[in-house]
N, C-alpha and C. Protein backbone atom coordinates (compact mmCIF):
# COMPACT_ATOMS: atom_id res chain seq x y z
N MET A 1 -0.33 29.49 41.18
CA MET A 1 -0.31 30.95 41.18
C MET A 1 0.68 31.45 40.13
N LYS A 2 0.28 32.43 39.37
CA LYS A 2 1.13 33.02 38.34
C LYS A 2 2.26 33.82 38.97
N SER A 3 3.41 33.75 38.34
CA SER A 3 4.55 34.52 38.80
C SER A 3 4.32 36.00 38.51
N ASP A 4 4.89 36.85 39.34
CA ASP A 4 4.82 38.29 39.10
C ASP A 4 5.51 38.67 37.80
N LYS A 5 6.46 37.83 37.36
CA LYS A 5 7.19 38.12 36.14
C LYS A 5 6.33 37.93 34.89
N ALA A 6 5.29 37.12 34.97
CA ALA A 6 4.47 36.80 33.81
C ALA A 6 3.15 37.57 33.83
N VAL A 7 3.20 38.83 34.09
CA VAL A 7 2.02 39.68 34.16
C VAL A 7 1.61 40.11 32.76
N ASN A 8 0.31 40.07 32.47
CA ASN A 8 -0.22 40.51 31.18
C ASN A 8 0.46 39.83 29.99
N GLN A 9 0.76 38.54 30.14
CA GLN A 9 1.36 37.76 29.07
C GLN A 9 2.68 38.34 28.56
N ARG A 10 3.41 38.95 29.44
CA ARG A 10 4.76 39.45 29.15
C ARG A 10 5.69 38.93 30.22
N TYR A 11 6.93 38.83 29.88
CA TYR A 11 7.90 38.29 30.83
C TYR A 11 9.21 39.03 30.70
N MET A 12 9.82 39.31 31.83
CA MET A 12 11.17 39.84 31.82
C MET A 12 11.94 39.09 32.89
N GLY A 13 13.07 38.59 32.51
CA GLY A 13 13.91 37.86 33.45
C GLY A 13 15.27 37.70 32.82
N SER A 14 16.10 36.91 33.43
CA SER A 14 17.41 36.68 32.87
C SER A 14 17.69 35.18 32.89
N VAL A 15 18.55 34.76 32.00
CA VAL A 15 18.99 33.37 31.96
C VAL A 15 20.51 33.38 31.87
N LYS A 16 21.12 32.35 32.38
CA LYS A 16 22.57 32.22 32.31
C LYS A 16 22.92 31.15 31.30
N ILE A 17 24.02 31.37 30.62
CA ILE A 17 24.51 30.38 29.68
C ILE A 17 25.26 29.31 30.46
N GLY A 18 24.89 28.05 30.27
CA GLY A 18 25.55 26.94 30.95
C GLY A 18 26.88 26.60 30.28
N PRO A 19 27.61 25.66 30.86
CA PRO A 19 28.93 25.31 30.35
C PRO A 19 28.92 24.77 28.92
N LYS A 20 27.80 24.24 28.48
CA LYS A 20 27.69 23.73 27.11
C LYS A 20 26.99 24.73 26.18
N GLY A 21 26.85 25.97 26.62
CA GLY A 21 26.20 26.99 25.81
C GLY A 21 24.69 26.92 25.84
N GLN A 22 24.13 26.19 26.78
CA GLN A 22 22.69 26.01 26.86
C GLN A 22 22.04 27.05 27.77
N ILE A 23 20.77 27.33 27.46
CA ILE A 23 19.96 28.17 28.35
C ILE A 23 18.71 27.39 28.72
N VAL A 24 18.10 27.77 29.81
CA VAL A 24 16.83 27.19 30.22
C VAL A 24 15.76 28.23 29.96
N ILE A 25 14.71 27.83 29.27
CA ILE A 25 13.57 28.73 29.07
C ILE A 25 12.77 28.71 30.37
N PRO A 26 12.59 29.87 30.99
CA PRO A 26 11.90 29.91 32.28
C PRO A 26 10.50 29.29 32.22
N LYS A 27 10.09 28.66 33.30
CA LYS A 27 8.80 27.99 33.37
C LYS A 27 7.65 28.92 32.99
N GLU A 28 7.72 30.17 33.44
CA GLU A 28 6.64 31.12 33.11
C GLU A 28 6.50 31.28 31.60
N VAL A 29 7.62 31.30 30.90
CA VAL A 29 7.59 31.47 29.45
C VAL A 29 7.11 30.17 28.78
N ARG A 30 7.58 29.03 29.28
CA ARG A 30 7.11 27.75 28.74
C ARG A 30 5.61 27.63 28.90
N ASP A 31 5.10 28.02 30.06
CA ASP A 31 3.65 27.99 30.30
C ASP A 31 2.92 28.96 29.37
N MET A 32 3.46 30.16 29.24
CA MET A 32 2.84 31.20 28.42
C MET A 32 2.67 30.74 26.98
N PHE A 33 3.66 30.02 26.46
CA PHE A 33 3.65 29.59 25.07
C PHE A 33 3.33 28.11 24.92
N ASP A 34 2.95 27.46 26.01
CA ASP A 34 2.61 26.04 26.01
C ASP A 34 3.72 25.20 25.36
N ILE A 35 4.96 25.48 25.75
CA ILE A 35 6.11 24.73 25.26
C ILE A 35 6.30 23.51 26.15
N LYS A 36 6.33 22.35 25.50
CA LYS A 36 6.44 21.08 26.22
C LYS A 36 7.75 20.38 25.88
N THR A 37 8.13 19.43 26.71
CA THR A 37 9.30 18.60 26.45
C THR A 37 9.13 17.94 25.09
N GLY A 38 10.17 18.01 24.28
CA GLY A 38 10.14 17.39 22.95
C GLY A 38 9.71 18.33 21.83
N ASP A 39 9.17 19.51 22.17
CA ASP A 39 8.82 20.48 21.13
C ASP A 39 10.10 20.94 20.42
N THR A 40 9.98 21.24 19.14
CA THR A 40 11.11 21.75 18.39
C THR A 40 10.94 23.24 18.20
N LEU A 41 11.98 23.99 18.55
CA LEU A 41 11.99 25.43 18.37
C LEU A 41 13.09 25.77 17.38
N VAL A 42 12.92 26.88 16.67
CA VAL A 42 13.92 27.37 15.73
C VAL A 42 14.54 28.61 16.33
N LEU A 43 15.85 28.67 16.30
CA LEU A 43 16.56 29.84 16.78
C LEU A 43 17.07 30.60 15.55
N LEU A 44 16.71 31.87 15.46
CA LEU A 44 17.18 32.75 14.38
C LEU A 44 18.13 33.76 15.00
N ALA A 45 19.22 34.03 14.31
CA ALA A 45 20.18 35.01 14.82
C ALA A 45 20.61 35.94 13.70
N ASP A 46 20.61 37.22 13.99
CA ASP A 46 21.05 38.25 13.07
C ASP A 46 21.95 39.18 13.87
N ALA A 47 23.16 39.42 13.38
CA ALA A 47 24.13 40.21 14.13
C ALA A 47 23.61 41.60 14.47
N GLN A 48 22.75 42.19 13.63
CA GLN A 48 22.23 43.53 13.90
C GLN A 48 20.91 43.49 14.67
N LYS A 49 20.07 42.49 14.43
CA LYS A 49 18.72 42.49 15.01
C LYS A 49 18.61 41.67 16.29
N GLY A 50 19.50 40.71 16.49
CA GLY A 50 19.45 39.92 17.72
C GLY A 50 19.03 38.48 17.48
N ILE A 51 18.52 37.86 18.54
CA ILE A 51 18.15 36.45 18.54
C ILE A 51 16.65 36.33 18.76
N ALA A 52 16.04 35.41 18.03
CA ALA A 52 14.62 35.12 18.20
C ALA A 52 14.44 33.61 18.24
N ILE A 53 13.47 33.16 19.02
CA ILE A 53 13.14 31.73 19.10
C ILE A 53 11.65 31.60 18.81
N GLU A 54 11.31 30.67 17.94
CA GLU A 54 9.90 30.46 17.57
C GLU A 54 9.67 28.97 17.37
N ARG A 55 8.44 28.57 17.43
CA ARG A 55 8.08 27.17 17.20
C ARG A 55 8.38 26.77 15.76
N MET A 56 8.83 25.54 15.60
CA MET A 56 9.09 24.99 14.27
C MET A 56 7.80 25.01 13.44
N SER A 57 6.68 24.71 14.06
CA SER A 57 5.41 24.65 13.32
C SER A 57 5.07 25.99 12.67
N PHE A 58 5.43 27.09 13.32
CA PHE A 58 5.19 28.42 12.76
C PHE A 58 5.95 28.58 11.44
N PHE A 59 7.24 28.22 11.45
CA PHE A 59 8.04 28.35 10.24
C PHE A 59 7.68 27.30 9.20
N HIS A 60 7.24 26.14 9.67
CA HIS A 60 6.85 25.08 8.73
C HIS A 60 5.66 25.54 7.89
N SER A 61 4.70 26.21 8.51
CA SER A 61 3.53 26.69 7.75
C SER A 61 3.92 27.79 6.77
N ILE A 62 4.88 28.64 7.15
CA ILE A 62 5.38 29.67 6.23
C ILE A 62 6.10 29.01 5.05
N ALA A 63 6.94 28.02 5.34
CA ALA A 63 7.67 27.32 4.29
C ALA A 63 6.70 26.65 3.31
N ASP A 64 5.65 26.02 3.84
CA ASP A 64 4.66 25.38 2.97
C ASP A 64 4.02 26.40 2.03
N ALA A 65 3.66 27.57 2.57
CA ALA A 65 3.04 28.60 1.75
C ALA A 65 3.99 29.09 0.66
N ILE A 66 5.25 29.27 1.00
CA ILE A 66 6.24 29.72 0.01
C ILE A 66 6.39 28.67 -1.08
N LEU A 67 6.49 27.41 -0.68
CA LEU A 67 6.67 26.34 -1.67
C LEU A 67 5.42 26.13 -2.52
N GLU A 68 4.27 26.61 -2.05
CA GLU A 68 3.03 26.57 -2.83
C GLU A 68 2.92 27.76 -3.78
N GLY A 69 3.96 28.61 -3.79
CA GLY A 69 3.97 29.75 -4.70
C GLY A 69 3.39 31.03 -4.15
N ARG A 70 3.24 31.12 -2.85
CA ARG A 70 2.65 32.32 -2.24
C ARG A 70 3.68 33.18 -1.54
N SER A 71 4.92 33.16 -2.00
CA SER A 71 5.99 33.91 -1.31
C SER A 71 5.74 35.41 -1.31
N LYS A 72 5.21 35.96 -2.36
CA LYS A 72 5.01 37.42 -2.43
C LYS A 72 3.94 37.91 -1.46
N GLU A 73 2.97 37.08 -1.14
CA GLU A 73 1.96 37.53 -0.18
C GLU A 73 2.47 37.41 1.26
N ILE A 74 3.53 36.64 1.47
CA ILE A 74 4.08 36.46 2.82
C ILE A 74 5.25 37.41 3.06
N TYR A 75 6.21 37.41 2.13
CA TYR A 75 7.42 38.22 2.26
C TYR A 75 7.58 39.11 1.03
N GLN A 76 6.81 40.16 0.95
CA GLN A 76 6.84 41.05 -0.21
C GLN A 76 8.19 41.72 -0.40
N GLU A 77 8.90 41.98 0.69
CA GLU A 77 10.16 42.71 0.61
C GLU A 77 11.34 41.83 0.22
N HIS A 78 11.15 40.50 0.17
CA HIS A 78 12.23 39.59 -0.20
C HIS A 78 12.02 39.04 -1.60
N SER A 79 13.12 38.71 -2.26
CA SER A 79 13.02 38.12 -3.59
C SER A 79 12.45 36.71 -3.47
N GLU A 80 11.93 36.22 -4.56
CA GLU A 80 11.39 34.86 -4.56
C GLU A 80 12.50 33.85 -4.29
N THR A 81 13.69 34.12 -4.80
CA THR A 81 14.83 33.23 -4.56
C THR A 81 15.16 33.17 -3.07
N ASP A 82 15.20 34.32 -2.40
CA ASP A 82 15.47 34.34 -0.96
C ASP A 82 14.39 33.58 -0.19
N SER A 83 13.14 33.78 -0.57
CA SER A 83 12.03 33.09 0.09
C SER A 83 12.13 31.58 -0.11
N LEU A 84 12.45 31.16 -1.33
CA LEU A 84 12.59 29.73 -1.59
C LEU A 84 13.76 29.13 -0.81
N ASN A 85 14.86 29.86 -0.71
CA ASN A 85 15.99 29.37 0.08
C ASN A 85 15.61 29.23 1.54
N PHE A 86 14.85 30.18 2.06
CA PHE A 86 14.36 30.12 3.44
C PHE A 86 13.49 28.88 3.63
N ALA A 87 12.54 28.67 2.72
CA ALA A 87 11.62 27.54 2.82
C ALA A 87 12.38 26.21 2.76
N LYS A 88 13.35 26.12 1.86
CA LYS A 88 14.15 24.90 1.75
C LYS A 88 14.96 24.67 3.02
N GLY A 89 15.46 25.74 3.62
CA GLY A 89 16.21 25.63 4.88
C GLY A 89 15.33 25.10 6.00
N ILE A 90 14.10 25.58 6.08
CA ILE A 90 13.16 25.10 7.10
C ILE A 90 12.86 23.63 6.88
N LYS A 91 12.63 23.24 5.63
CA LYS A 91 12.34 21.84 5.32
C LYS A 91 13.54 20.96 5.67
N LYS A 92 14.75 21.46 5.44
CA LYS A 92 15.95 20.69 5.77
C LYS A 92 16.05 20.47 7.28
N ILE A 93 15.79 21.53 8.06
CA ILE A 93 15.81 21.40 9.51
C ILE A 93 14.76 20.38 9.96
N THR A 94 13.57 20.45 9.37
CA THR A 94 12.50 19.52 9.70
C THR A 94 12.93 18.08 9.42
N ASP A 95 13.50 17.86 8.23
CA ASP A 95 13.94 16.51 7.87
C ASP A 95 15.02 16.01 8.81
N GLU A 96 15.98 16.88 9.15
CA GLU A 96 17.05 16.48 10.07
C GLU A 96 16.50 16.12 11.45
N ASN A 97 15.52 16.90 11.93
CA ASN A 97 14.93 16.62 13.22
C ASN A 97 14.16 15.30 13.20
N GLU A 98 13.45 15.04 12.10
CA GLU A 98 12.68 13.80 12.01
C GLU A 98 13.62 12.59 11.95
N ARG A 99 14.73 12.71 11.23
CA ARG A 99 15.70 11.61 11.16
C ARG A 99 16.33 11.37 12.54
N GLY A 100 16.56 12.45 13.29
CA GLY A 100 17.16 12.33 14.61
C GLY A 100 16.24 11.69 15.63
N MET A 101 14.94 11.74 15.39
CA MET A 101 13.97 11.18 16.33
C MET A 101 13.77 9.68 16.11
N LYS A 102 14.25 9.15 15.01
CA LYS A 102 14.04 7.72 14.71
C LYS A 102 15.03 6.86 15.44
């Protein structure tokens, strides 16, 4: 049975920060986004805009497009240099995660 919190593919709840700075993603949200044990997520933080969490695969596909020379069709408001730096950062995270899994 679906939780009342996960109505219409939206969720509102709270999480507590553990002693090591960790949070638990609620089961309803994991189910909603099909997040499984071992999945890699990227955490983005901006002091003015807040925190966002997204799948690594989402950013990996954006990074690939930027590195293929399509940065202007993806991020028109950013310079090509900023887009390339973003793509290289995503690739670095990917490489670090792959080395850590070996």
